[in-house]
Amino acid sequence: MSRTVAGFVGSAMAGLLAAVTLVVGGHVAPVPTAAATPAPGAEQVPWRWWDGAAYQLTHGLADPPGINRDDCQPAADRPVPVILVHGTGLNGGNSWATFGAALAAEGYCVWAPTVGAPPGPGGGPGSVGGIDSLTAASAPQLAAEIDRVRALTGAPEVDLVGHSQGAITASYVTATTRADAVRTVVTLGADPARSGEGPPEFVTDLLGVLSPDTARQDAEATRAWLGEEGVPFARGVRYVAVSSDYDELTGPVVTPQVPDFVDLRVLRLQDGCEIDRSGHLTVLASPRAVDLVVDALGGPDDQPPRCVPSDQLHGVLAPVPPR
């Protein structure tokens, strides 16, 4: 564990700059979610990384199909609900159109809350999340969503999938308050080796502008994430990090040395598929990333993950075949 949360948290916060084009933005009133909406089929999964933002813009900021269906009850072969956690400057809807639809099509009950939105009326769908305090806003809001989803479904545990800052939030909440309620943490666009000393100076400065008086508190509080074990991982929880060598913020990820009690796998998109060059944002619509996450959550590991040409700017560059 020679590298620090500084880079891990800093990379996610820097995603604010890369994510500006996805932000629907503004303080908007929450839009009720249609709980009775059926799950999309596999043929309805969108494969453009901006599809979530486009859907919100054309549907009154509503959630894209597949996520936040509060009437969803886990099936016997998909007993664990999935909560998707967005990154900096994004929200649940514009981040997770692809993963939400794909997981729902696989039979999962999927939620994608918006956490860390600025105080005030902008905390609903379409708002800008991940820019308030990690420890005072995003983390307790995610913990509350975990509790809510467990109450709705009766499931004893949930699985978390986090992107960028959402990976930090998911890991932090799991390690500090909800280890007994989380089965698996899957991360995208984050380096699991970087943890421990809080965000770097430029990140705390940025947070100090976006959310005054919270940045320094977050930097100190995240040190508690390590606990007595000295690592940001909880006992009894599975961790899977899906990485891309072409991620503009993390770069290539190397499996860190961790204590024996840590159950961690690092999966590289390019292993067996060098033509998937997904970047920090385009990984959100990578068919290979979707398949690796499905497998990590207990899906059909007897089928190889798809290999579709993708790049850092456009994302998927060819038709996506069924798996």
C-alpha atoms as a PDB file:
ATOM      1  CA  MET A   1       0.000   0.000   0.000  1.00  0.00           C
ATOM      2  CA  SER A   2       2.676   2.494  -0.999  1.00  0.00           C
ATOM      3  CA  ARG A   3       0.376   4.835  -2.901  1.00  0.00           C
ATOM      4  CA  THR A   4      -2.292   6.931  -1.189  1.00  0.00           C
ATOM      5  CA  VAL A   5      -6.007   7.810  -1.257  1.00  0.00           C
ATOM      6  CA  ALA A   6      -4.684  11.153  -2.451  1.00  0.00           C
ATOM      7  CA  GLY A   7      -4.483   9.875  -6.002  1.00  0.00           C
ATOM      8  CA  PHE A   8      -7.573   7.687  -5.668  1.00  0.00           C
ATOM      9  CA  VAL A   9      -9.783  10.485  -4.362  1.00  0.00           C
ATOM     10  CA  GLY A  10      -8.021  13.094  -6.443  1.00  0.00           C
ATOM     11  CA  SER A  11      -8.588  11.187  -9.668  1.00  0.00           C
ATOM     12  CA  ALA A  12     -12.289  10.963  -8.965  1.00  0.00           C
ATOM     13  CA  MET A  13     -12.588  14.641  -8.092  1.00  0.00           C
ATOM     14  CA  ALA A  14     -10.717  15.606 -11.211  1.00  0.00           C
ATOM     15  CA  GLY A  15     -13.467  13.804 -13.105  1.00  0.00           C
ATOM     16  CA  LEU A  16     -15.579  16.915 -12.546  1.00  0.00           C
ATOM     17  CA  LEU A  17     -13.706  18.583 -15.368  1.00  0.00           C
ATOM     18  CA  ALA A  18     -14.159  15.645 -17.726  1.00  0.00           C
ATOM     19  CA  ALA A  19     -17.815  15.233 -16.826  1.00  0.00           C
ATOM     20  CA  VAL A  20     -19.056  18.757 -17.507  1.00  0.00           C
ATOM     21  CA  THR A  21     -20.721  17.759 -20.765  1.00  0.00           C
ATOM     22  CA  LEU A  22     -22.862  15.174 -18.993  1.00  0.00           C
ATOM     23  CA  VAL A  23     -24.247  17.481 -16.317  1.00  0.00           C
ATOM     24  CA  VAL A  24     -27.889  18.250 -16.853  1.00  0.00           C
ATOM     25  CA  GLY A  25     -27.363  20.812 -14.140  1.00  0.00           C
ATOM     26  CA  GLY A  26     -29.245  23.293 -12.065  1.00  0.00           C
ATOM     27  CA  HIS A  27     -31.438  23.082  -9.011  1.00  0.00           C
ATOM     28  CA  VAL A  28     -34.459  21.094 -10.099  1.00  0.00           C
ATOM     29  CA  ALA A  29     -37.415  19.699  -8.247  1.00  0.00           C
ATOM     30  CA  PRO A  30     -37.333  15.928  -7.753  1.00  0.00           C
ATOM     31  CA  VAL A  31     -39.179  13.995 -10.445  1.00  0.00           C
ATOM     32  CA  PRO A  32     -41.208  11.001  -9.230  1.00  0.00           C
ATOM     33  CA  THR A  33     -39.990   7.680 -10.556  1.00  0.00           C
ATOM     34  CA  ALA A  34     -42.517   5.432 -12.277  1.00  0.00           C
ATOM     35  CA  ALA A  35     -42.242   2.391 -10.041  1.00  0.00           C
ATOM     36  CA  ALA A  36     -44.253   0.141 -12.344  1.00  0.00           C
ATOM     37  CA  THR A  37     -41.923   0.538 -15.334  1.00  0.00           C
ATOM     38  CA  PRO A  38     -40.922  -2.939 -16.552  1.00  0.00           C
ATOM     39  CA  ALA A  39     -37.290  -3.930 -16.877  1.00  0.00           C
ATOM     40  CA  PRO A  40     -35.778  -3.314 -20.316  1.00  0.00           C
ATOM     41  CA  GLY A  41     -34.769  -6.243 -22.490  1.00  0.00           C
ATOM     42  CA  ALA A  42     -31.192  -6.913 -23.561  1.00  0.00           C
ATOM     43  CA  GLU A  43     -31.932  -5.437 -26.978  1.00  0.00           C
ATOM     44  CA  GLN A  44     -32.920  -2.139 -25.339  1.00  0.00           C
ATOM     45  CA  VAL A  45     -29.604  -1.503 -23.594  1.00  0.00           C
ATOM     46  CA  PRO A  46     -28.113   1.802 -24.835  1.00  0.00           C
ATOM     47  CA  TRP A  47     -24.432   1.688 -25.723  1.00  0.00           C
ATOM     48  CA  ARG A  48     -23.446   5.348 -25.921  1.00  0.00           C
ATOM     49  CA  TRP A  49     -21.875   6.789 -22.801  1.00  0.00           C
ATOM     50  CA  TRP A  50     -23.953   9.969 -23.062  1.00  0.00           C
ATOM     51  CA  ASP A  51     -27.298   8.186 -23.435  1.00  0.00           C
ATOM     52  CA  GLY A  52     -28.273   8.784 -19.811  1.00  0.00           C
ATOM     53  CA  ALA A  53     -27.848  12.543 -20.135  1.00  0.00           C
ATOM     54  CA  ALA A  54     -29.698  12.532 -23.453  1.00  0.00           C
ATOM     55  CA  TYR A  55     -32.563  10.572 -21.906  1.00  0.00           C
ATOM     56  CA  GLN A  56     -32.888  12.990 -19.012  1.00  0.00           C
ATOM     57  CA  LEU A  57     -32.848  15.992 -21.343  1.00  0.00           C
ATOM     58  CA  THR A  58     -35.652  14.541 -23.457  1.00  0.00           C
ATOM     59  CA  HIS A  59     -37.739  13.008 -20.644  1.00  0.00           C
ATOM     60  CA  GLY A  60     -38.100  15.778 -18.100  1.00  0.00           C
ATOM     61  CA  LEU A  61     -35.023  14.661 -16.134  1.00  0.00           C
ATOM     62  CA  ALA A  62     -36.595  11.266 -15.444  1.00  0.00           C
ATOM     63  CA  ASP A  63     -34.442   8.223 -14.739  1.00  0.00           C
ATOM     64  CA  PRO A  64     -33.555   6.071 -17.758  1.00  0.00           C
ATOM     65  CA  PRO A  65     -35.143   2.596 -17.941  1.00  0.00           C
ATOM     66  CA  GLY A  66     -33.945  -0.097 -15.566  1.00  0.00           C
ATOM     67  CA  ILE A  67     -33.056   1.875 -12.440  1.00  0.00           C
ATOM     68  CA  ASN A  68     -34.924   2.948  -9.308  1.00  0.00           C
ATOM     69  CA  ARG A  69     -37.888   0.599  -9.719  1.00  0.00           C
ATOM     70  CA  ASP A  70     -39.064   0.551  -6.127  1.00  0.00           C
ATOM     71  CA  ASP A  71     -41.517  -2.277  -6.798  1.00  0.00           C
ATOM     72  CA  CYS A  72     -38.736  -4.614  -7.980  1.00  0.00           C
ATOM     73  CA  GLN A  73     -38.369  -7.788  -5.940  1.00  0.00           C
ATOM     74  CA  PRO A  74     -35.171  -9.842  -6.316  1.00  0.00           C
ATOM     75  CA  ALA A  75     -35.537 -13.145  -8.130  1.00  0.00           C
ATOM     76  CA  ALA A  76     -34.261 -16.396  -6.668  1.00  0.00           C
ATOM     77  CA  ASP A  77     -31.304 -16.441  -9.074  1.00  0.00           C
ATOM     78  CA  ARG A  78     -30.569 -12.716  -8.542  1.00  0.00           C
ATOM     79  CA  PRO A  79     -31.205 -12.346  -4.816  1.00  0.00           C
ATOM     80  CA  VAL A  80     -28.929  -9.377  -4.113  1.00  0.00           C
ATOM     81  CA  PRO A  81     -30.076  -5.874  -5.144  1.00  0.00           C
ATOM     82  CA  VAL A  82     -27.525  -3.654  -6.889  1.00  0.00           C
ATOM     83  CA  ILE A  83     -26.891   0.006  -6.076  1.00  0.00           C
ATOM     84  CA  LEU A  84     -24.923   2.033  -8.628  1.00  0.00           C
ATOM     85  CA  VAL A  85     -22.951   5.021  -7.307  1.00  0.00           C
ATOM     86  CA  HIS A  86     -22.062   7.879  -9.667  1.00  0.00           C
ATOM     87  CA  GLY A  87     -18.964  10.058  -9.797  1.00  0.00           C
ATOM     88  CA  THR A  88     -18.166  13.741  -9.440  1.00  0.00           C
ATOM     89  CA  GLY A  89     -20.509  16.224 -11.099  1.00  0.00           C
ATOM     90  CA  LEU A  90     -22.845  13.497 -12.355  1.00  0.00           C
ATOM     91  CA  ASN A  91     -26.040  11.882 -11.101  1.00  0.00           C
ATOM     92  CA  GLY A  92     -27.593   8.451 -10.929  1.00  0.00           C
ATOM     93  CA  GLY A  93     -29.472   8.809 -14.197  1.00  0.00           C
ATOM     94  CA  ASN A  94     -26.879  10.268 -16.517  1.00  0.00           C
ATOM     95  CA  SER A  95     -24.136   7.910 -15.327  1.00  0.00           C
ATOM     96  CA  TRP A  96     -25.869   4.561 -15.367  1.00  0.00           C
ATOM     97  CA  ALA A  97     -28.166   4.277 -18.405  1.00  0.00           C
ATOM     98  CA  THR A  98     -26.120   1.415 -19.849  1.00  0.00           C
ATOM     99  CA  PHE A  99     -25.304  -0.475 -16.661  1.00  0.00           C
ATOM    100  CA  GLY A 100     -28.775   0.056 -15.222  1.00  0.00           C
ATOM    101  CA  ALA A 101     -30.518  -1.328 -18.293  1.00  0.00           C
ATOM    102  CA  ALA A 102     -28.022  -4.165 -18.744  1.00  0.00           C
ATOM    103  CA  LEU A 103     -28.255  -5.336 -15.136  1.00  0.00           C
ATOM    104  CA  ALA A 104     -32.047  -5.042 -15.142  1.00  0.00           C
ATOM    105  CA  ALA A 105     -32.156  -7.091 -18.345  1.00  0.00           C
ATOM    106  CA  GLU A 106     -30.111  -9.744 -16.510  1.00  0.00           C
ATOM    107  CA  GLY A 107     -32.822  -9.887 -13.854  1.00  0.00           C
ATOM    108  CA  TYR A 108     -31.319  -7.655 -11.176  1.00  0.00           C
ATOM    109  CA  CYS A 109     -33.155  -5.059  -9.137  1.00  0.00           C
ATOM    110  CA  VAL A 110     -31.107  -1.909  -9.645  1.00  0.00           C
ATOM    111  CA  TRP A 111     -31.027   1.463  -7.921  1.00  0.00           C
ATOM    112  CA  ALA A 112     -28.926   4.500  -8.837  1.00  0.00           C
ATOM    113  CA  PRO A 113     -29.396   7.330  -6.339  1.00  0.00           C
ATOM    114  CA  THR A 114     -27.966  10.816  -6.695  1.00  0.00           C
ATOM    115  CA  VAL A 115     -25.758  11.586  -3.695  1.00  0.00           C
ATOM    116  CA  GLY A 116     -23.694  14.593  -2.710  1.00  0.00           C
ATOM    117  CA  ALA A 117     -25.828  17.151  -4.531  1.00  0.00           C
ATOM    118  CA  PRO A 118     -25.581  20.748  -3.252  1.00  0.00           C
ATOM    119  CA  PRO A 119     -27.816  21.585  -0.292  1.00  0.00           C
ATOM    120  CA  GLY A 120     -31.230  22.866  -1.310  1.00  0.00           C
ATOM    121  CA  PRO A 121     -33.889  21.715  -3.772  1.00  0.00           C
ATOM    122  CA  GLY A 122     -31.478  20.217  -6.304  1.00  0.00           C
ATOM    123  CA  GLY A 123     -31.127  16.744  -4.882  1.00  0.00           C
ATOM    124  CA  GLY A 124     -33.522  14.988  -7.212  1.00  0.00           C
ATOM    125  CA  PRO A 125     -33.072  13.348 -10.603  1.00  0.00           C
ATOM    126  CA  GLY A 126     -31.118  15.511 -13.019  1.00  0.00           C
ATOM    127  CA  SER A 127     -29.192  17.328 -10.313  1.00  0.00           C
ATOM    128  CA  VAL A 128     -25.424  17.627 -10.031  1.00  0.00           C
ATOM    129  CA  GLY A 129     -24.151  15.103  -7.506  1.00  0.00           C
ATOM    130  CA  GLY A 130     -20.836  14.270  -5.946  1.00  0.00           C
ATOM    131  CA  ILE A 131     -19.872  17.866  -5.160  1.00  0.00           C
ATOM    132  CA  ASP A 132     -20.883  18.144  -1.509  1.00  0.00           C
ATOM    133  CA  SER A 133     -19.027  16.640   1.435  1.00  0.00           C
ATOM    134  CA  LEU A 134     -18.115  12.981   1.073  1.00  0.00           C
ATOM    135  CA  THR A 135     -18.396  12.267   4.774  1.00  0.00           C
ATOM    136  CA  ALA A 136     -21.275  14.601   5.665  1.00  0.00           C
ATOM    137  CA  ALA A 137     -23.424  14.207   2.541  1.00  0.00           C
ATOM    138  CA  SER A 138     -22.577  11.491  -0.010  1.00  0.00           C
ATOM    139  CA  ALA A 139     -21.666   8.767   2.499  1.00  0.00           C
ATOM    140  CA  PRO A 140     -24.684   9.087   4.814  1.00  0.00           C
ATOM    141  CA  GLN A 141     -26.992   9.435   1.810  1.00  0.00           C
ATOM    142  CA  LEU A 142     -25.633   6.224   0.296  1.00  0.00           C
ATOM    143  CA  ALA A 143     -25.896   4.474   3.662  1.00  0.00           C
ATOM    144  CA  ALA A 144     -29.530   5.568   3.874  1.00  0.00           C
ATOM    145  CA  GLU A 145     -30.166   4.234   0.362  1.00  0.00           C
ATOM    146  CA  ILE A 146     -28.635   0.894   1.328  1.00  0.00           C
ATOM    147  CA  ASP A 147     -30.996   0.727   4.294  1.00  0.00           C
ATOM    148  CA  ARG A 148     -33.961   1.770   2.155  1.00  0.00           C
ATOM    149  CA  VAL A 149     -33.291  -0.807  -0.566  1.00  0.00           C
ATOM    150  CA  ARG A 150     -32.872  -3.569   2.000  1.00  0.00           C
ATOM    151  CA  ALA A 151     -36.186  -2.584   3.581  1.00  0.00           C
ATOM    152  CA  LEU A 152     -37.942  -2.475   0.188  1.00  0.00           C
ATOM    153  CA  THR A 153     -36.651  -5.850  -0.962  1.00  0.00           C
ATOM    154  CA  GLY A 154     -36.142  -7.745   2.273  1.00  0.00           C
ATOM    155  CA  ALA A 155     -32.613  -8.572   1.132  1.00  0.00           C
ATOM    156  CA  PRO A 156     -30.029  -8.828   3.921  1.00  0.00           C
ATOM    157  CA  GLU A 157     -27.242  -7.485   1.689  1.00  0.00           C
ATOM    158  CA  VAL A 158     -26.715  -5.326  -1.390  1.00  0.00           C
ATOM    159  CA  ASP A 159     -23.993  -5.132  -4.016  1.00  0.00           C
ATOM    160  CA  LEU A 160     -22.420  -1.744  -4.792  1.00  0.00           C
ATOM    161  CA  VAL A 161     -20.969  -0.660  -8.139  1.00  0.00           C
ATOM    162  CA  GLY A 162     -19.153   2.670  -8.008  1.00  0.00           C
ATOM    163  CA  HIS A 163     -17.560   4.811 -10.708  1.00  0.00           C
ATOM    164  CA  SER A 164     -14.775   7.292 -10.000  1.00  0.00           C
ATOM    165  CA  GLN A 165     -15.721   9.229  -6.846  1.00  0.00           C
ATOM    166  CA  GLY A 166     -18.615   6.797  -6.515  1.00  0.00           C
ATOM    167  CA  ALA A 167     -16.058   4.024  -6.035  1.00  0.00           C
ATOM    168  CA  ILE A 168     -14.634   5.958  -3.106  1.00  0.00           C
ATOM    169  CA  THR A 169     -18.057   6.604  -1.633  1.00  0.00           C
ATOM    170  CA  ALA A 170     -19.069   2.947  -1.960  1.00  0.00           C
ATOM    171  CA  SER A 171     -15.819   1.716  -0.425  1.00  0.00           C
ATOM    172  CA  TYR A 172     -15.871   4.295   2.363  1.00  0.00           C
ATOM    173  CA  VAL A 173     -19.460   3.536   3.395  1.00  0.00           C
ATOM    174  CA  THR A 174     -18.812  -0.200   3.293  1.00  0.00           C
ATOM    175  CA  ALA A 175     -15.685  -0.005   5.436  1.00  0.00           C
ATOM    176  CA  THR A 176     -16.960   2.503   7.982  1.00  0.00           C
ATOM    177  CA  THR A 177     -20.679   1.859   8.526  1.00  0.00           C
ATOM    178  CA  ARG A 178     -22.249  -0.884   6.383  1.00  0.00           C
ATOM    179  CA  ALA A 179     -19.848  -3.823   6.145  1.00  0.00           C
ATOM    180  CA  ASP A 180     -22.590  -6.148   7.383  1.00  0.00           C
ATOM    181  CA  ALA A 181     -24.992  -4.924   4.690  1.00  0.00           C
ATOM    182  CA  VAL A 182     -22.740  -5.118   1.612  1.00  0.00           C
ATOM    183  CA  ARG A 183     -21.747  -8.338  -0.138  1.00  0.00           C
ATOM    184  CA  THR A 184     -19.674  -6.994  -3.044  1.00  0.00           C
ATOM    185  CA  VAL A 185     -18.084  -3.682  -4.027  1.00  0.00           C
ATOM    186  CA  VAL A 186     -17.213  -3.334  -7.720  1.00  0.00           C
ATOM    187  CA  THR A 187     -15.296  -0.257  -8.826  1.00  0.00           C
ATOM    188  CA  LEU A 188     -14.771   1.389 -12.217  1.00  0.00           C
ATOM    189  CA  GLY A 189     -12.400   4.253 -12.960  1.00  0.00           C
ATOM    190  CA  ALA A 190     -10.624   4.004  -9.609  1.00  0.00           C
ATOM    191  CA  ASP A 191      -7.373   2.557  -8.292  1.00  0.00           C
ATOM    192  CA  PRO A 192      -7.844   0.374  -5.196  1.00  0.00           C
ATOM    193  CA  ALA A 193      -4.186   0.765  -4.253  1.00  0.00           C
ATOM    194  CA  ARG A 194      -4.555   4.462  -3.506  1.00  0.00           C
ATOM    195  CA  SER A 195      -5.921   5.134  -0.081  1.00  0.00           C
ATOM    196  CA  GLY A 196      -5.139   6.550   3.296  1.00  0.00           C
ATOM    197  CA  GLU A 197      -4.089  10.171   3.510  1.00  0.00           C
ATOM    198  CA  GLY A 198      -7.084  12.097   2.217  1.00  0.00           C
ATOM    199  CA  PRO A 199      -7.361  14.056  -1.025  1.00  0.00           C
ATOM    200  CA  PRO A 200      -4.466  16.134  -2.354  1.00  0.00           C
ATOM    201  CA  GLU A 201      -4.228  19.891  -1.978  1.00  0.00           C
ATOM    202  CA  PHE A 202      -5.790  20.792  -5.319  1.00  0.00           C
ATOM    203  CA  VAL A 203      -8.822  18.631  -4.560  1.00  0.00           C
ATOM    204  CA  THR A 204      -9.407  20.137  -1.146  1.00  0.00           C
ATOM    205  CA  ASP A 205      -9.078  23.576  -2.723  1.00  0.00           C
ATOM    206  CA  LEU A 206     -11.670  22.651  -5.366  1.00  0.00           C
ATOM    207  CA  LEU A 207     -14.047  21.231  -2.772  1.00  0.00           C
ATOM    208  CA  GLY A 208     -13.517  24.303  -0.639  1.00  0.00           C
ATOM    209  CA  VAL A 209     -14.910  26.392  -3.494  1.00  0.00           C
ATOM    210  CA  LEU A 210     -17.769  24.049  -4.335  1.00  0.00           C
ATOM    211  CA  SER A 211     -18.756  23.261  -0.764  1.00  0.00           C
ATOM    212  CA  PRO A 212     -17.080  25.603   1.751  1.00  0.00           C
ATOM    213  CA  ASP A 213     -15.923  24.294   5.126  1.00  0.00           C
ATOM    214  CA  THR A 214     -16.240  20.636   4.162  1.00  0.00           C
ATOM    215  CA  ALA A 215     -13.065  19.824   2.257  1.00  0.00           C
ATOM    216  CA  ARG A 216     -10.627  19.830   5.152  1.00  0.00           C
ATOM    217  CA  GLN A 217     -13.048  17.871   7.309  1.00  0.00           C
ATOM    218  CA  ASP A 218     -13.308  15.256   4.567  1.00  0.00           C
ATOM    219  CA  ALA A 219      -9.532  15.005   4.289  1.00  0.00           C
ATOM    220  CA  GLU A 220      -9.276  14.238   7.990  1.00  0.00           C
ATOM    221  CA  ALA A 221     -12.312  11.978   8.182  1.00  0.00           C
ATOM    222  CA  THR A 222     -11.243   9.752   5.297  1.00  0.00           C
ATOM    223  CA  ARG A 223      -8.213   8.705   7.333  1.00  0.00           C
ATOM    224  CA  ALA A 224     -10.621   6.886   9.625  1.00  0.00           C
ATOM    225  CA  TRP A 225     -11.490   4.788   6.574  1.00  0.00           C
ATOM    226  CA  LEU A 226      -8.318   2.790   7.145  1.00  0.00           C
ATOM    227  CA  GLY A 227      -9.275   1.735  10.648  1.00  0.00           C
ATOM    228  CA  GLU A 228      -6.975  -0.419  12.736  1.00  0.00           C
ATOM    229  CA  GLU A 229      -6.159  -2.687   9.785  1.00  0.00           C
ATOM    230  CA  GLY A 230      -4.485   0.118   7.813  1.00  0.00           C
ATOM    231  CA  VAL A 231      -6.348  -0.694   4.580  1.00  0.00           C
ATOM    232  CA  PRO A 232      -9.629   0.633   3.141  1.00  0.00           C
ATOM    233  CA  PHE A 233     -11.260  -2.792   2.856  1.00  0.00           C
ATOM    234  CA  ALA A 234     -13.803  -4.457   5.118  1.00  0.00           C
ATOM    235  CA  ARG A 235     -13.558  -8.047   6.266  1.00  0.00           C
ATOM    236  CA  GLY A 236     -16.039 -10.397   4.656  1.00  0.00           C
ATOM    237  CA  VAL A 237     -16.736  -8.161   1.642  1.00  0.00           C
ATOM    238  CA  ARG A 238     -15.714  -9.041  -1.916  1.00  0.00           C
ATOM    239  CA  TYR A 239     -13.952  -6.311  -3.903  1.00  0.00           C
ATOM    240  CA  VAL A 240     -13.561  -6.261  -7.680  1.00  0.00           C
ATOM    241  CA  ALA A 241     -11.796  -3.403  -9.485  1.00  0.00           C
ATOM    242  CA  VAL A 242     -12.438  -3.155 -13.237  1.00  0.00           C
ATOM    243  CA  SER A 243      -9.667  -1.067 -14.773  1.00  0.00           C
ATOM    244  CA  SER A 244      -8.612   0.235 -18.173  1.00  0.00           C
ATOM    245  CA  ASP A 245      -5.077   1.092 -19.211  1.00  0.00           C
ATOM    246  CA  TYR A 246      -6.603   4.000 -21.129  1.00  0.00           C
ATOM    247  CA  ASP A 247      -8.337   5.612 -18.159  1.00  0.00           C
ATOM    248  CA  GLU A 248      -7.220   9.241 -18.335  1.00  0.00           C
ATOM    249  CA  LEU A 249      -7.320   9.668 -14.565  1.00  0.00           C
ATOM    250  CA  THR A 250      -6.062   6.414 -13.081  1.00  0.00           C
ATOM    251  CA  GLY A 251      -3.852   5.045 -15.838  1.00  0.00           C
ATOM    252  CA  PRO A 252      -2.937   1.348 -15.679  1.00  0.00           C
ATOM    253  CA  VAL A 253      -3.882  -0.249 -12.355  1.00  0.00           C
ATOM    254  CA  VAL A 254      -1.703  -2.824 -10.616  1.00  0.00           C
ATOM    255  CA  THR A 255      -3.090  -5.226  -8.034  1.00  0.00           C
ATOM    256  CA  PRO A 256      -1.866  -3.930  -4.668  1.00  0.00           C
ATOM    257  CA  GLN A 257      -0.429  -6.021  -1.884  1.00  0.00           C
ATOM    258  CA  VAL A 258      -3.111  -6.425   0.746  1.00  0.00           C
ATOM    259  CA  PRO A 259      -3.540  -8.449   3.948  1.00  0.00           C
ATOM    260  CA  ASP A 260      -4.785 -12.010   3.608  1.00  0.00           C
ATOM    261  CA  PHE A 261      -8.258 -11.123   4.855  1.00  0.00           C
ATOM    262  CA  VAL A 262      -8.881  -8.793   1.890  1.00  0.00           C
ATOM    263  CA  ASP A 263     -10.839 -10.408  -0.960  1.00  0.00           C
ATOM    264  CA  LEU A 264      -9.757  -8.267  -3.930  1.00  0.00           C
ATOM    265  CA  ARG A 265      -9.531  -8.934  -7.659  1.00  0.00           C
ATOM    266  CA  VAL A 266      -8.338  -6.448 -10.266  1.00  0.00           C
ATOM    267  CA  LEU A 267      -9.718  -7.086 -13.762  1.00  0.00           C
ATOM    268  CA  ARG A 268      -8.089  -5.334 -16.720  1.00  0.00           C
ATOM    269  CA  LEU A 269     -10.372  -4.542 -19.677  1.00  0.00           C
ATOM    270  CA  GLN A 270      -7.521  -5.119 -22.109  1.00  0.00           C
ATOM    271  CA  ASP A 271      -6.796  -8.662 -20.924  1.00  0.00           C
ATOM    272  CA  GLY A 272      -7.998 -10.651 -23.918  1.00  0.00           C
ATOM    273  CA  CYS A 273      -9.363  -7.556 -25.666  1.00  0.00           C
ATOM    274  CA  GLU A 274      -6.798  -4.929 -26.605  1.00  0.00           C
ATOM    275  CA  ILE A 275      -9.329  -3.184 -28.874  1.00  0.00           C
ATOM    276  CA  ASP A 276     -11.378  -2.022 -25.886  1.00  0.00           C
ATOM    277  CA  ARG A 277      -9.618   1.248 -25.093  1.00  0.00           C
ATOM    278  CA  SER A 278     -12.370   2.718 -22.965  1.00  0.00           C
ATOM    279  CA  GLY A 279     -11.467   5.795 -20.948  1.00  0.00           C
ATOM    280  CA  HIS A 280     -12.660   7.241 -17.659  1.00  0.00           C
ATOM    281  CA  LEU A 281     -16.141   8.140 -18.910  1.00  0.00           C
ATOM    282  CA  THR A 282     -16.576   5.804 -21.871  1.00  0.00           C
ATOM    283  CA  VAL A 283     -16.113   2.776 -19.598  1.00  0.00           C
ATOM    284  CA  LEU A 284     -19.663   3.534 -18.445  1.00  0.00           C
ATOM    285  CA  ALA A 285     -20.894   2.067 -21.742  1.00  0.00           C
ATOM    286  CA  SER A 286     -18.271  -0.593 -22.431  1.00  0.00           C
ATOM    287  CA  PRO A 287     -19.894  -3.979 -23.187  1.00  0.00           C
ATOM    288  CA  ARG A 288     -16.830  -5.709 -21.773  1.00  0.00           C
ATOM    289  CA  ALA A 289     -17.007  -3.706 -18.548  1.00  0.00           C
ATOM    290  CA  VAL A 290     -20.701  -4.553 -18.260  1.00  0.00           C
ATOM    291  CA  ASP A 291     -19.983  -8.260 -18.684  1.00  0.00           C
ATOM    292  CA  LEU A 292     -17.148  -8.207 -16.155  1.00  0.00           C
ATOM    293  CA  VAL A 293     -19.417  -6.518 -13.629  1.00  0.00           C
ATOM    294  CA  VAL A 294     -22.254  -8.978 -14.282  1.00  0.00           C
ATOM    295  CA  ASP A 295     -19.816 -11.840 -13.745  1.00  0.00           C
ATOM    296  CA  ALA A 296     -18.468 -10.223 -10.567  1.00  0.00           C
ATOM    297  CA  LEU A 297     -21.999 -10.058  -9.198  1.00  0.00           C
ATOM    298  CA  GLY A 298     -22.546 -13.751  -9.838  1.00  0.00           C
ATOM    299  CA  GLY A 299     -23.715 -13.788 -13.440  1.00  0.00           C
ATOM    300  CA  PRO A 300     -22.969 -16.162 -16.349  1.00  0.00           C
ATOM    301  CA  ASP A 301     -19.227 -16.686 -15.997  1.00  0.00           C
ATOM    302  CA  ASP A 302     -19.363 -19.565 -18.488  1.00  0.00           C
ATOM    303  CA  GLN A 303     -19.652 -17.024 -21.317  1.00  0.00           C
ATOM    304  CA  PRO A 304     -16.613 -14.911 -22.220  1.00  0.00           C
ATOM    305  CA  PRO A 305     -17.063 -11.149 -21.887  1.00  0.00           C
ATOM    306  CA  ARG A 306     -17.707  -9.358 -25.152  1.00  0.00           C
ATOM    307  CA  CYS A 307     -14.858  -7.650 -26.990  1.00  0.00           C
ATOM    308  CA  VAL A 308     -16.031  -4.587 -28.921  1.00  0.00           C
ATOM    309  CA  PRO A 309     -13.801  -1.792 -30.274  1.00  0.00           C
ATOM    310  CA  SER A 310     -14.042   1.242 -27.992  1.00  0.00           C
ATOM    311  CA  ASP A 311     -12.010   4.392 -27.473  1.00  0.00           C
ATOM    312  CA  GLN A 312     -11.592   7.130 -24.902  1.00  0.00           C
ATOM    313  CA  LEU A 313     -13.659   9.757 -26.722  1.00  0.00           C
ATOM    314  CA  HIS A 314     -16.534   8.084 -28.546  1.00  0.00           C
ATOM    315  CA  GLY A 315     -16.814   4.865 -26.604  1.00  0.00           C
ATOM    316  CA  VAL A 316     -18.208   1.921 -28.560  1.00  0.00           C
ATOM    317  CA  LEU A 317     -17.117   2.003 -32.220  1.00  0.00           C
ATOM    318  CA  ALA A 318     -18.982  -1.018 -33.624  1.00  0.00           C
ATOM    319  CA  PRO A 319     -22.335  -2.782 -33.247  1.00  0.00           C
ATOM    320  CA  VAL A 320     -22.675  -4.556 -29.909  1.00  0.00           C
ATOM    321  CA  PRO A 321     -23.531  -8.257 -30.250  1.00  0.00           C
ATOM    322  CA  PRO A 322     -25.636 -10.132 -27.708  1.00  0.00           C
ATOM    323  CA  ARG A 323     -23.689 -12.069 -25.159  1.00  0.00           C
END
